[in-house]
Amino acid sequence: MAWQTKYLDRGDTVTKTLSPRELEVINLVKLGDENKLIAQKFGVSEQTIKNHVRHILNKIGAFNRTQAVYICLKEGIITL
């Protein structure tokens, strides 16, 4: 998979790449929470959460939220 090569070549990992807030967001995405609900939980705008999700996708090379959750589960960043 392309995302593995991207991180292995640099000696980096998903845990080193995602910020603490991004890890909180991906854990809520894993539960099926929508951006609006996540924003309410954190007391921020929905656009802020959209930005976090976009950053997560870019950092780990995922195409969508489902793939991002899969990658994070596979890497052991989040658990079920």
Protein backbone atom coordinates (compact mmCIF):
# COMPACT_ATOMS: atom_id res chain seq x y z
CA MET A 1 0.00 0.00 0.00
CA ALA A 2 1.22 3.49 -0.82
CA TRP A 3 0.71 4.88 2.69
CA GLN A 4 3.02 2.25 4.18
CA THR A 5 5.86 3.14 1.83
CA LYS A 6 5.35 6.83 2.52
CA TYR A 7 5.92 6.39 6.24
CA LEU A 8 8.45 3.58 6.20
CA ASP A 9 10.72 5.48 3.82
CA ARG A 10 10.88 8.43 6.19
CA GLY A 11 11.13 6.29 9.33
CA ASP A 12 7.97 7.99 10.54
CA THR A 13 4.79 6.48 11.94
CA VAL A 14 1.15 7.46 12.09
CA THR A 15 1.41 8.08 15.84
CA LYS A 16 4.23 10.56 15.34
CA THR A 17 2.26 12.29 12.62
CA LEU A 18 -1.20 12.74 14.12
CA SER A 19 -1.65 15.43 16.75
CA PRO A 20 -3.41 14.62 20.04
CA ARG A 21 -6.56 16.40 18.79
CA GLU A 22 -6.46 14.47 15.52
CA LEU A 23 -6.25 11.24 17.51
CA GLU A 24 -9.33 12.32 19.48
CA VAL A 25 -11.15 13.13 16.25
CA ILE A 26 -10.29 9.82 14.55
CA ASN A 27 -11.53 7.96 17.63
CA LEU A 28 -14.90 9.71 17.31
CA VAL A 29 -14.98 9.13 13.55
CA LYS A 30 -14.42 5.45 14.34
CA LEU A 31 -17.63 5.52 16.39
CA GLY A 32 -19.54 6.94 13.43
CA ASP A 33 -19.87 10.48 14.77
CA GLU A 34 -20.50 13.12 12.14
CA ASN A 35 -18.47 16.32 11.97
CA LYS A 36 -21.28 18.37 13.48
CA LEU A 37 -21.54 16.12 16.53
CA ILE A 38 -17.76 16.02 17.03
CA ALA A 39 -17.68 19.82 16.81
CA GLN A 40 -20.36 20.07 19.50
CA LYS A 41 -18.44 17.70 21.77
CA PHE A 42 -15.28 19.82 21.48
CA GLY A 43 -17.03 23.18 21.45
CA VAL A 44 -15.55 24.18 18.10
CA SER A 45 -16.96 24.88 14.65
CA GLU A 46 -17.86 22.14 12.22
CA GLN A 47 -15.30 23.62 9.81
CA THR A 48 -12.55 23.07 12.41
CA ILE A 49 -13.44 19.38 12.54
CA LYS A 50 -13.53 19.19 8.75
CA ASN A 51 -10.02 20.65 8.76
CA HIS A 52 -8.86 18.04 11.30
CA VAL A 53 -10.35 15.23 9.22
CA ARG A 54 -8.73 16.60 6.06
CA HIS A 55 -5.36 16.78 7.82
CA ILE A 56 -5.75 13.21 9.08
CA LEU A 57 -6.54 11.97 5.57
CA ASN A 58 -3.58 13.83 4.08
CA LYS A 59 -1.12 12.74 6.77
CA ILE A 60 -1.88 9.04 6.52
CA GLY A 61 -2.66 8.96 2.80
CA ALA A 62 -6.27 7.86 3.18
CA PHE A 63 -8.93 8.61 0.57
CA ASN A 64 -11.85 8.79 2.99
CA ARG A 65 -12.86 8.54 6.66
CA THR A 66 -13.44 4.80 6.48
CA GLN A 67 -9.99 4.13 5.10
CA ALA A 68 -8.47 6.45 7.74
CA VAL A 69 -10.12 4.45 10.51
CA TYR A 70 -8.93 1.20 8.90
CA ILE A 71 -5.33 2.43 8.70
CA CYS A 72 -5.38 3.64 12.30
CA LEU A 73 -6.85 0.34 13.50
CA LYS A 74 -4.30 -1.65 11.51
CA GLU A 75 -1.44 0.45 12.91
CA GLY A 76 -2.77 0.04 16.46
CA ILE A 77 -3.32 3.79 16.87
CA ILE A 78 -6.94 3.22 17.87
CA THR A 79 -8.75 0.13 19.09
CA LEU A 80 -12.28 -1.16 18.76
